Amino acid sequence: MKPDMFKEPVSILVGLGFPAEVRSAMDAYRHLVEWPAALRDHAHSVALKACGAALRGEIEAETARGLFAAFAEKHDLLAPETNAIVASRLRRDRDPHVR
């Protein structure tokens, strides 16, 4: 496994709400660099610096993953977990009172 790879990907929503898996510090770095300049904040700066440090081998990829995930959560980019969606649909199908 490459040193910048995450143990678990971070699933985020991109474009018109399509899920994408961010699997490495390089993937996260690319997403952060493409983030609109007008929307950049402290969380963006910290995540970007962490991903850069992970790419240079200065910190662990998992540290960068955590900071990228925190950035994504702050900006409502985290995709809902597939298991949660499936479970919700199963509950709804079994019980018509569940929405």
PDB file of N, CA and C in Angstrom:
ATOM      1  N   MET A   1       0.842  -1.172   0.000  1.00  0.00           N
ATOM      2  CA  MET A   1       0.000   0.000   0.000  1.00  0.00           C
ATOM      3  C   MET A   1       0.893   1.243   0.000  1.00  0.00           C
ATOM      4  N   LYS A   2       0.496   2.233  -0.801  1.00  0.00           N
ATOM      5  CA  LYS A   2       1.256   3.480  -0.852  1.00  0.00           C
ATOM      6  C   LYS A   2       1.149   4.207   0.484  1.00  0.00           C
ATOM      7  N   PRO A   3       2.187   4.932   0.881  1.00  0.00           N
ATOM      8  CA  PRO A   3       2.180   5.574   2.201  1.00  0.00           C
ATOM      9  C   PRO A   3       1.108   6.655   2.381  1.00  0.00           C
ATOM     10  N   ASP A   4       0.563   7.207   1.281  1.00  0.00           N
ATOM     11  CA  ASP A   4      -0.456   8.250   1.440  1.00  0.00           C
ATOM     12  C   ASP A   4      -1.882   7.694   1.397  1.00  0.00           C
ATOM     13  N   MET A   5      -2.028   6.361   1.285  1.00  0.00           N
ATOM     14  CA  MET A   5      -3.354   5.733   1.215  1.00  0.00           C
ATOM     15  C   MET A   5      -4.021   5.711   2.585  1.00  0.00           C
ATOM     16  N   PHE A   6      -5.340   5.955   2.598  1.00  0.00           N
ATOM     17  CA  PHE A   6      -6.121   5.869   3.824  1.00  0.00           C
ATOM     18  C   PHE A   6      -6.531   4.428   4.064  1.00  0.00           C
ATOM     19  N   LYS A   7      -6.623   4.018   5.329  1.00  0.00           N
ATOM     20  CA  LYS A   7      -7.099   2.673   5.656  1.00  0.00           C
ATOM     21  C   LYS A   7      -8.548   2.502   5.234  1.00  0.00           C
ATOM     22  N   GLU A   8      -9.338   3.547   5.425  1.00  0.00           N
ATOM     23  CA  GLU A   8     -10.745   3.575   5.002  1.00  0.00           C
ATOM     24  C   GLU A   8     -10.949   4.859   4.200  1.00  0.00           C
ATOM     25  N   PRO A   9     -11.621   4.781   3.046  1.00  0.00           N
ATOM     26  CA  PRO A   9     -11.859   6.011   2.292  1.00  0.00           C
ATOM     27  C   PRO A   9     -12.838   6.929   3.012  1.00  0.00           C
ATOM     28  N   VAL A  10     -12.799   8.190   2.655  1.00  0.00           N
ATOM     29  CA  VAL A  10     -13.765   9.170   3.137  1.00  0.00           C
ATOM     30  C   VAL A  10     -14.748   9.377   1.985  1.00  0.00           C
ATOM     31  N   SER A  11     -16.022   9.070   2.207  1.00  0.00           N
ATOM     32  CA  SER A  11     -17.033   9.237   1.158  1.00  0.00           C
ATOM     33  C   SER A  11     -17.626  10.632   1.263  1.00  0.00           C
ATOM     34  N   ILE A  12     -17.476  11.389   0.165  1.00  0.00           N
ATOM     35  CA  ILE A  12     -17.998  12.753   0.142  1.00  0.00           C
ATOM     36  C   ILE A  12     -18.959  12.904  -1.032  1.00  0.00           C
ATOM     37  N   LEU A  13     -19.751  13.958  -0.988  1.00  0.00           N
ATOM     38  CA  LEU A  13     -20.651  14.287  -2.089  1.00  0.00           C
ATOM     39  C   LEU A  13     -19.983  15.355  -2.948  1.00  0.00           C
ATOM     40  N   VAL A  14     -19.981  15.131  -4.256  1.00  0.00           N
ATOM     41  CA  VAL A  14     -19.370  16.082  -5.187  1.00  0.00           C
ATOM     42  C   VAL A  14     -20.390  16.450  -6.269  1.00  0.00           C
ATOM     43  N   GLY A  15     -20.119  17.522  -6.965  1.00  0.00           N
ATOM     44  CA  GLY A  15     -20.999  17.932  -8.065  1.00  0.00           C
ATOM     45  C   GLY A  15     -22.424  18.136  -7.598  1.00  0.00           C
ATOM     46  N   LEU A  16     -23.331  17.421  -8.216  1.00  0.00           N
ATOM     47  CA  LEU A  16     -24.751  17.527  -7.881  1.00  0.00           C
ATOM     48  C   LEU A  16     -25.149  16.491  -6.847  1.00  0.00           C
ATOM     49  N   GLY A  17     -24.248  16.237  -5.909  1.00  0.00           N
ATOM     50  CA  GLY A  17     -24.560  15.301  -4.830  1.00  0.00           C
ATOM     51  C   GLY A  17     -24.189  13.861  -5.124  1.00  0.00           C
ATOM     52  N   PHE A  18     -23.278  13.646  -6.052  1.00  0.00           N
ATOM     53  CA  PHE A  18     -22.828  12.293  -6.358  1.00  0.00           C
ATOM     54  C   PHE A  18     -21.749  11.881  -5.370  1.00  0.00           C
ATOM     55  N   PRO A  19     -21.817  10.651  -4.854  1.00  0.00           N
ATOM     56  CA  PRO A  19     -20.787  10.217  -3.897  1.00  0.00           C
ATOM     57  C   PRO A  19     -19.461   9.909  -4.604  1.00  0.00           C
ATOM     58  N   ALA A  20     -18.397  10.237  -3.923  1.00  0.00           N
ATOM     59  CA  ALA A  20     -17.041   9.932  -4.400  1.00  0.00           C
ATOM     60  C   ALA A  20     -16.233   9.478  -3.198  1.00  0.00           C
ATOM     61  N   GLU A  21     -15.356   8.515  -3.420  1.00  0.00           N
ATOM     62  CA  GLU A  21     -14.507   8.029  -2.339  1.00  0.00           C
ATOM     63  C   GLU A  21     -13.123   8.648  -2.441  1.00  0.00           C
ATOM     64  N   VAL A  22     -12.721   9.293  -1.368  1.00  0.00           N
ATOM     65  CA  VAL A  22     -11.384   9.883  -1.270  1.00  0.00           C
ATOM     66  C   VAL A  22     -10.536   8.836  -0.555  1.00  0.00           C
ATOM     67  N   ARG A  23      -9.587   8.243  -1.280  1.00  0.00           N
ATOM     68  CA  ARG A  23      -8.844   7.091  -0.788  1.00  0.00           C
ATOM     69  C   ARG A  23      -7.423   7.390  -0.323  1.00  0.00           C
ATOM     70  N   SER A  24      -6.961   8.620  -0.561  1.00  0.00           N
ATOM     71  CA  SER A  24      -5.569   8.919  -0.213  1.00  0.00           C
ATOM     72  C   SER A  24      -5.408  10.406   0.097  1.00  0.00           C
ATOM     73  N   ALA A  25      -4.256  10.718   0.659  1.00  0.00           N
ATOM     74  CA  ALA A  25      -3.940  12.125   0.928  1.00  0.00           C
ATOM     75  C   ALA A  25      -3.880  12.910  -0.376  1.00  0.00           C
ATOM     76  N   MET A  26      -3.439  12.279  -1.456  1.00  0.00           N
ATOM     77  CA  MET A  26      -3.382  12.953  -2.754  1.00  0.00           C
ATOM     78  C   MET A  26      -4.789  13.269  -3.255  1.00  0.00           C
ATOM     79  N   ASP A  27      -5.717  12.310  -3.130  1.00  0.00           N
ATOM     80  CA  ASP A  27      -7.116  12.563  -3.526  1.00  0.00           C
ATOM     81  C   ASP A  27      -7.688  13.725  -2.712  1.00  0.00           C
ATOM     82  N   ALA A  28      -7.465  13.698  -1.403  1.00  0.00           N
ATOM     83  CA  ALA A  28      -7.980  14.746  -0.525  1.00  0.00           C
ATOM     84  C   ALA A  28      -7.361  16.090  -0.901  1.00  0.00           C
ATOM     85  N   TYR A  29      -6.067  16.096  -1.152  1.00  0.00           N
ATOM     86  CA  TYR A  29      -5.363  17.317  -1.530  1.00  0.00           C
ATOM     87  C   TYR A  29      -5.983  17.916  -2.795  1.00  0.00           C
ATOM     88  N   ARG A  30      -6.262  17.063  -3.784  1.00  0.00           N
ATOM     89  CA  ARG A  30      -6.874  17.533  -5.035  1.00  0.00           C
ATOM     90  C   ARG A  30      -8.231  18.179  -4.780  1.00  0.00           C
ATOM     91  N   HIS A  31      -9.054  17.544  -3.948  1.00  0.00           N
ATOM     92  CA  HIS A  31     -10.368  18.116  -3.631  1.00  0.00           C
ATOM     93  C   HIS A  31     -10.224  19.461  -2.933  1.00  0.00           C
ATOM     94  N   LEU A  32      -9.275  19.540  -2.039  1.00  0.00           N
ATOM     95  CA  LEU A  32      -9.066  20.785  -1.296  1.00  0.00           C
ATOM     96  C   LEU A  32      -8.552  21.908  -2.193  1.00  0.00           C
ATOM     97  N   VAL A  33      -7.667  21.591  -3.118  1.00  0.00           N
ATOM     98  CA  VAL A  33      -7.134  22.602  -4.033  1.00  0.00           C
ATOM     99  C   VAL A  33      -8.245  23.132  -4.947  1.00  0.00           C
ATOM    100  N   GLU A  34      -9.206  22.278  -5.288  1.00  0.00           N
ATOM    101  CA  GLU A  34     -10.308  22.684  -6.163  1.00  0.00           C
ATOM    102  C   GLU A  34     -11.432  23.400  -5.413  1.00  0.00           C
ATOM    103  N   TRP A  35     -11.379  23.422  -4.079  1.00  0.00           N
ATOM    104  CA  TRP A  35     -12.406  24.083  -3.283  1.00  0.00           C
ATOM    105  C   TRP A  35     -12.400  25.576  -3.604  1.00  0.00           C
ATOM    106  N   PRO A  36     -13.572  26.170  -3.841  1.00  0.00           N
ATOM    107  CA  PRO A  36     -13.616  27.599  -4.208  1.00  0.00           C
ATOM    108  C   PRO A  36     -12.915  28.500  -3.179  1.00  0.00           C
ATOM    109  N   ALA A  37     -12.121  29.419  -3.676  1.00  0.00           N
ATOM    110  CA  ALA A  37     -11.341  30.301  -2.808  1.00  0.00           C
ATOM    111  C   ALA A  37     -12.225  31.091  -1.850  1.00  0.00           C
ATOM    112  N   ALA A  38     -13.394  31.489  -2.301  1.00  0.00           N
ATOM    113  CA  ALA A  38     -14.290  32.284  -1.459  1.00  0.00           C
ATOM    114  C   ALA A  38     -14.835  31.485  -0.272  1.00  0.00           C
ATOM    115  N   LEU A  39     -14.795  30.153  -0.358  1.00  0.00           N
ATOM    116  CA  LEU A  39     -15.336  29.305   0.710  1.00  0.00           C
ATOM    117  C   LEU A  39     -14.252  28.734   1.625  1.00  0.00           C
ATOM    118  N   ARG A  40     -13.009  29.046   1.355  1.00  0.00           N
ATOM    119  CA  ARG A  40     -11.907  28.506   2.161  1.00  0.00           C
ATOM    120  C   ARG A  40     -11.901  29.133   3.544  1.00  0.00           C
ATOM    121  N   ASP A  41     -11.693  28.286   4.541  1.00  0.00           N
ATOM    122  CA  ASP A  41     -11.699  28.745   5.925  1.00  0.00           C
ATOM    123  C   ASP A  41     -10.562  28.054   6.674  1.00  0.00           C
ATOM    124  N   HIS A  42     -10.563  28.182   7.987  1.00  0.00           N
ATOM    125  CA  HIS A  42      -9.497  27.593   8.795  1.00  0.00           C
ATOM    126  C   HIS A  42      -9.469  26.069   8.657  1.00  0.00           C
ATOM    127  N   ALA A  43     -10.636  25.436   8.637  1.00  0.00           N
ATOM    128  CA  ALA A  43     -10.690  23.977   8.491  1.00  0.00           C
ATOM    129  C   ALA A  43     -10.076  23.549   7.162  1.00  0.00           C
ATOM    130  N   HIS A  44     -10.328  24.314   6.118  1.00  0.00           N
ATOM    131  CA  HIS A  44      -9.740  24.028   4.805  1.00  0.00           C
ATOM    132  C   HIS A  44      -8.225  24.138   4.873  1.00  0.00           C
ATOM    133  N   SER A  45      -7.743  25.222   5.478  1.00  0.00           N
ATOM    134  CA  SER A  45      -6.305  25.453   5.583  1.00  0.00           C
ATOM    135  C   SER A  45      -5.601  24.324   6.341  1.00  0.00           C
ATOM    136  N   VAL A  46      -6.183  23.923   7.451  1.00  0.00           N
ATOM    137  CA  VAL A  46      -5.586  22.858   8.269  1.00  0.00           C
ATOM    138  C   VAL A  46      -5.559  21.543   7.490  1.00  0.00           C
ATOM    139  N   ALA A  47      -6.671  21.198   6.839  1.00  0.00           N
ATOM    140  CA  ALA A  47      -6.742  19.949   6.078  1.00  0.00           C
ATOM    141  C   ALA A  47      -5.761  19.962   4.903  1.00  0.00           C
ATOM    142  N   LEU A  48      -5.678  21.088   4.218  1.00  0.00           N
ATOM    143  CA  LEU A  48      -4.759  21.205   3.080  1.00  0.00           C
ATOM    144  C   LEU A  48      -3.307  21.033   3.532  1.00  0.00           C
ATOM    145  N   LYS A  49      -2.937  21.706   4.620  1.00  0.00           N
ATOM    146  CA  LYS A  49      -1.573  21.582   5.145  1.00  0.00           C
ATOM    147  C   LYS A  49      -1.284  20.150   5.593  1.00  0.00           C
ATOM    148  N   ALA A  50      -2.266  19.504   6.208  1.00  0.00           N
ATOM    149  CA  ALA A  50      -2.074  18.124   6.669  1.00  0.00           C
ATOM    150  C   ALA A  50      -1.894  17.178   5.495  1.00  0.00           C
ATOM    151  N   CYS A  51      -2.692  17.344   4.461  1.00  0.00           N
ATOM    152  CA  CYS A  51      -2.552  16.472   3.280  1.00  0.00           C
ATOM    153  C   CYS A  51      -1.194  16.681   2.622  1.00  0.00           C
ATOM    154  N   GLY A  52      -0.751  17.929   2.536  1.00  0.00           N
ATOM    155  CA  GLY A  52       0.581  18.201   1.991  1.00  0.00           C
ATOM    156  C   GLY A  52       1.671  17.561   2.825  1.00  0.00           C
ATOM    157  N   ALA A  53       1.527  17.643   4.150  1.00  0.00           N
ATOM    158  CA  ALA A  53       2.517  17.031   5.043  1.00  0.00           C
ATOM    159  C   ALA A  53       2.516  15.517   4.902  1.00  0.00           C
ATOM    160  N   ALA A  54       1.344  14.917   4.725  1.00  0.00           N
ATOM    161  CA  ALA A  54       1.265  13.461   4.534  1.00  0.00           C
ATOM    162  C   ALA A  54       1.937  13.064   3.222  1.00  0.00           C
ATOM    163  N   LEU A  55       1.759  13.860   2.192  1.00  0.00           N
ATOM    164  CA  LEU A  55       2.392  13.561   0.905  1.00  0.00           C
ATOM    165  C   LEU A  55       3.913  13.650   0.992  1.00  0.00           C
ATOM    166  N   ARG A  56       4.403  14.514   1.851  1.00  0.00           N
ATOM    167  CA  ARG A  56       5.857  14.644   2.047  1.00  0.00           C
ATOM    168  C   ARG A  56       6.392  13.642   3.069  1.00  0.00           C
ATOM    169  N   GLY A  57       5.512  12.865   3.668  1.00  0.00           N
ATOM    170  CA  GLY A  57       5.921  11.870   4.658  1.00  0.00           C
ATOM    171  C   GLY A  57       6.199  12.453   6.031  1.00  0.00           C
ATOM    172  N   GLU A  58       5.733  13.660   6.287  1.00  0.00           N
ATOM    173  CA  GLU A  58       5.976  14.309   7.567  1.00  0.00           C
ATOM    174  C   GLU A  58       4.981  13.884   8.649  1.00  0.00           C
ATOM    175  N   ILE A  59       3.782  13.492   8.226  1.00  0.00           N
ATOM    176  CA  ILE A  59       2.778  12.976   9.162  1.00  0.00           C
ATOM    177  C   ILE A  59       2.144  11.731   8.555  1.00  0.00           C
ATOM    178  N   GLU A  60       1.449  10.974   9.372  1.00  0.00           N
ATOM    179  CA  GLU A  60       0.760   9.768   8.908  1.00  0.00           C
ATOM    180  C   GLU A  60      -0.432  10.150   8.033  1.00  0.00           C
ATOM    181  N   ALA A  61      -0.716   9.324   7.047  1.00  0.00           N
ATOM    182  CA  ALA A  61      -1.870   9.546   6.174  1.00  0.00           C
ATOM    183  C   ALA A  61      -3.165   9.565   6.977  1.00  0.00           C
ATOM    184  N   GLU A  62      -3.248   8.764   8.027  1.00  0.00           N
ATOM    185  CA  GLU A  62      -4.478   8.703   8.834  1.00  0.00           C
ATOM    186  C   GLU A  62      -4.735  10.009   9.579  1.00  0.00           C
ATOM    187  N   THR A  63      -3.689  10.728   9.921  1.00  0.00           N
ATOM    188  CA  THR A  63      -3.863  12.039  10.550  1.00  0.00           C
ATOM    189  C   THR A  63      -4.484  13.003   9.541  1.00  0.00           C
ATOM    190  N   ALA A  64      -3.964  12.984   8.323  1.00  0.00           N
ATOM    191  CA  ALA A  64      -4.521  13.826   7.265  1.00  0.00           C
ATOM    192  C   ALA A  64      -5.958  13.420   6.958  1.00  0.00           C
ATOM    193  N   ARG A  65      -6.236  12.121   6.983  1.00  0.00           N
ATOM    194  CA  ARG A  65      -7.594  11.631   6.733  1.00  0.00           C
ATOM    195  C   ARG A  65      -8.569  12.217   7.753  1.00  0.00           C
ATOM    196  N   GLY A  66      -8.175  12.188   9.012  1.00  0.00           N
ATOM    197  CA  GLY A  66      -9.040  12.708  10.059  1.00  0.00           C
ATOM    198  C   GLY A  66      -9.335  14.188   9.883  1.00  0.00           C
ATOM    199  N   LEU A  67      -8.327  14.950   9.510  1.00  0.00           N
ATOM    200  CA  LEU A  67      -8.524  16.383   9.315  1.00  0.00           C
ATOM    201  C   LEU A  67      -9.332  16.666   8.052  1.00  0.00           C
ATOM    202  N   PHE A  68      -9.140  15.868   7.007  1.00  0.00           N
ATOM    203  CA  PHE A  68      -9.955  16.024   5.806  1.00  0.00           C
ATOM    204  C   PHE A  68     -11.410  15.660   6.105  1.00  0.00           C
ATOM    205  N   ALA A  69     -11.622  14.588   6.848  1.00  0.00           N
ATOM    206  CA  ALA A  69     -12.988  14.185   7.207  1.00  0.00           C
ATOM    207  C   ALA A  69     -13.660  15.262   8.052  1.00  0.00           C
ATOM    208  N   ALA A  70     -12.920  15.891   8.956  1.00  0.00           N
ATOM    209  CA  ALA A  70     -13.476  16.977   9.772  1.00  0.00           C
ATOM    210  C   ALA A  70     -13.869  18.162   8.884  1.00  0.00           C
ATOM    211  N   PHE A  71     -13.022  18.491   7.914  1.00  0.00           N
ATOM    212  CA  PHE A  71     -13.348  19.548   6.950  1.00  0.00           C
ATOM    213  C   PHE A  71     -14.622  19.189   6.189  1.00  0.00           C
ATOM    214  N   ALA A  72     -14.688  17.956   5.692  1.00  0.00           N
ATOM    215  CA  ALA A  72     -15.851  17.514   4.921  1.00  0.00           C
ATOM    216  C   ALA A  72     -17.124  17.548   5.765  1.00  0.00           C
ATOM    217  N   GLU A  73     -17.015  17.144   7.018  1.00  0.00           N
ATOM    218  CA  GLU A  73     -18.177  17.158   7.899  1.00  0.00           C
ATOM    219  C   GLU A  73     -18.638  18.602   8.155  1.00  0.00           C
ATOM    220  N   LYS A  74     -17.702  19.487   8.400  1.00  0.00           N
ATOM    221  CA  LYS A  74     -18.038  20.890   8.668  1.00  0.00           C
ATOM    222  C   LYS A  74     -18.798  21.507   7.498  1.00  0.00           C
ATOM    223  N   HIS A  75     -18.457  21.096   6.299  1.00  0.00           N
ATOM    224  CA  HIS A  75     -19.059  21.674   5.101  1.00  0.00           C
ATOM    225  C   HIS A  75     -20.166  20.789   4.513  1.00  0.00           C
ATOM    226  N   ASP A  76     -20.666  19.856   5.321  1.00  0.00           N
ATOM    227  CA  ASP A  76     -21.767  18.962   4.903  1.00  0.00           C
ATOM    228  C   ASP A  76     -21.463  18.232   3.601  1.00  0.00           C
ATOM    229  N   LEU A  77     -20.234  17.761   3.464  1.00  0.00           N
ATOM    230  CA  LEU A  77     -19.830  17.027   2.266  1.00  0.00           C
ATOM    231  C   LEU A  77     -19.835  15.512   2.468  1.00  0.00           C
ATOM    232  N   LEU A  78     -19.911  15.054   3.713  1.00  0.00           N
ATOM    233  CA  LEU A  78     -19.854  13.617   3.951  1.00  0.00           C
ATOM    234  C   LEU A  78     -21.086  12.942   3.369  1.00  0.00           C
ATOM    235  N   ALA A  79     -20.847  11.899   2.588  1.00  0.00           N
ATOM    236  CA  ALA A  79     -21.949  11.130   2.009  1.00  0.00           C
ATOM    237  C   ALA A  79     -22.525  10.227   3.094  1.00  0.00           C
ATOM    238  N   PRO A  80     -23.845  10.047   3.086  1.00  0.00           N
ATOM    239  CA  PRO A  80     -24.423   9.124   4.070  1.00  0.00           C
ATOM    240  C   PRO A  80     -23.892   7.721   3.809  1.00  0.00           C
ATOM    241  N   GLU A  81     -23.734   6.976   4.879  1.00  0.00           N
ATOM    242  CA  GLU A  81     -23.235   5.613   4.729  1.00  0.00           C
ATOM    243  C   GLU A  81     -24.262   4.768   4.005  1.00  0.00           C
ATOM    244  N   THR A  82     -23.809   3.941   3.083  1.00  0.00           N
ATOM    245  CA  THR A  82     -24.696   3.089   2.303  1.00  0.00           C
ATOM    246  C   THR A  82     -25.510   2.177   3.205  1.00  0.00           C
ATOM    247  N   ASN A  83     -24.894   1.635   4.246  1.00  0.00           N
ATOM    248  CA  ASN A  83     -25.614   0.748   5.159  1.00  0.00           C
ATOM    249  C   ASN A  83     -26.774   1.456   5.831  1.00  0.00           C
ATOM    250  N   ALA A  84     -26.593   2.724   6.190  1.00  0.00           N
ATOM    251  CA  ALA A  84     -27.661   3.480   6.835  1.00  0.00           C
ATOM    252  C   ALA A  84     -28.817   3.706   5.874  1.00  0.00           C
ATOM    253  N   ILE A  85     -28.504   3.964   4.612  1.00  0.00           N
ATOM    254  CA  ILE A  85     -29.546   4.175   3.613  1.00  0.00           C
ATOM    255  C   ILE A  85     -30.336   2.885   3.397  1.00  0.00           C
ATOM    256  N   VAL A  86     -29.628   1.776   3.248  1.00  0.00           N
ATOM    257  CA  VAL A  86     -30.284   0.482   3.038  1.00  0.00           C
ATOM    258  C   VAL A  86     -31.154   0.126   4.233  1.00  0.00           C
ATOM    259  N   ALA A  87     -30.640   0.310   5.441  1.00  0.00           N
ATOM    260  CA  ALA A  87     -31.403  -0.006   6.648  1.00  0.00           C
ATOM    261  C   ALA A  87     -32.658   0.857   6.726  1.00  0.00           C
ATOM    262  N   SER A  88     -32.541   2.127   6.373  1.00  0.00           N
ATOM    263  CA  SER A  88     -33.688   3.022   6.395  1.00  0.00           C
ATOM    264  C   SER A  88     -34.751   2.567   5.403  1.00  0.00           C
ATOM    265  N   ARG A  89     -34.331   2.174   4.227  1.00  0.00           N
ATOM    266  CA  ARG A  89     -35.290   1.701   3.217  1.00  0.00           C
ATOM    267  C   ARG A  89     -35.953   0.408   3.643  1.00  0.00           C
ATOM    268  N   LEU A  90     -35.192  -0.494   4.245  1.00  0.00           N
ATOM    269  CA  LEU A  90     -35.767  -1.750   4.720  1.00  0.00           C
ATOM    270  C   LEU A  90     -36.808  -1.487   5.801  1.00  0.00           C
ATOM    271  N   ARG A  91     -36.502  -0.594   6.731  1.00  0.00           N
ATOM    272  CA  ARG A  91     -37.460  -0.243   7.788  1.00  0.00           C
ATOM    273  C   ARG A  91     -38.724   0.342   7.187  1.00  0.00           C
ATOM    274  N   ARG A  92     -38.551   1.224   6.230  1.00  0.00           N
ATOM    275  CA  ARG A  92     -39.695   1.875   5.597  1.00  0.00           C
ATOM    276  C   ARG A  92     -40.556   0.859   4.852  1.00  0.00           C
ATOM    277  N   ASP A  93     -39.910  -0.092   4.189  1.00  0.00           N
ATOM    278  CA  ASP A  93     -40.652  -1.115   3.437  1.00  0.00           C
ATOM    279  C   ASP A  93     -41.425  -2.035   4.374  1.00  0.00           C
ATOM    280  N   ARG A  94     -40.875  -2.307   5.552  1.00  0.00           N
ATOM    281  CA  ARG A  94     -41.535  -3.202   6.501  1.00  0.00           C
ATOM    282  C   ARG A  94     -42.640  -2.513   7.309  1.00  0.00           C
ATOM    283  N   ASP A  95     -42.454  -1.231   7.566  1.00  0.00           N
ATOM    284  CA  ASP A  95     -43.415  -0.499   8.400  1.00  0.00           C
ATOM    285  C   ASP A  95     -43.837   0.758   7.662  1.00  0.00           C
ATOM    286  N   PRO A  96     -45.083   0.801   7.170  1.00  0.00           N
ATOM    287  CA  PRO A  96     -45.530   1.959   6.383  1.00  0.00           C
ATOM    288  C   PRO A  96     -45.577   3.260   7.191  1.00  0.00           C
ATOM    289  N   HIS A  97     -45.481   3.190   8.522  1.00  0.00           N
ATOM    290  CA  HIS A  97     -45.517   4.389   9.352  1.00  0.00           C
ATOM    291  C   HIS A  97     -44.152   5.065   9.478  1.00  0.00           C
ATOM    292  N   VAL A  98     -43.098   4.360   9.045  1.00  0.00           N
ATOM    293  CA  VAL A  98     -41.745   4.907   9.099  1.00  0.00           C
ATOM    294  C   VAL A  98     -41.508   5.704   7.822  1.00  0.00           C
ATOM    295  N   ARG A  99     -41.004   6.922   7.975  1.00  0.00           N
ATOM    296  CA  ARG A  99     -40.711   7.757   6.794  1.00  0.00           C
ATOM    297  C   ARG A  99     -39.256   7.953   6.627  1.00  0.00           C
TER     298      ARG A  99
END
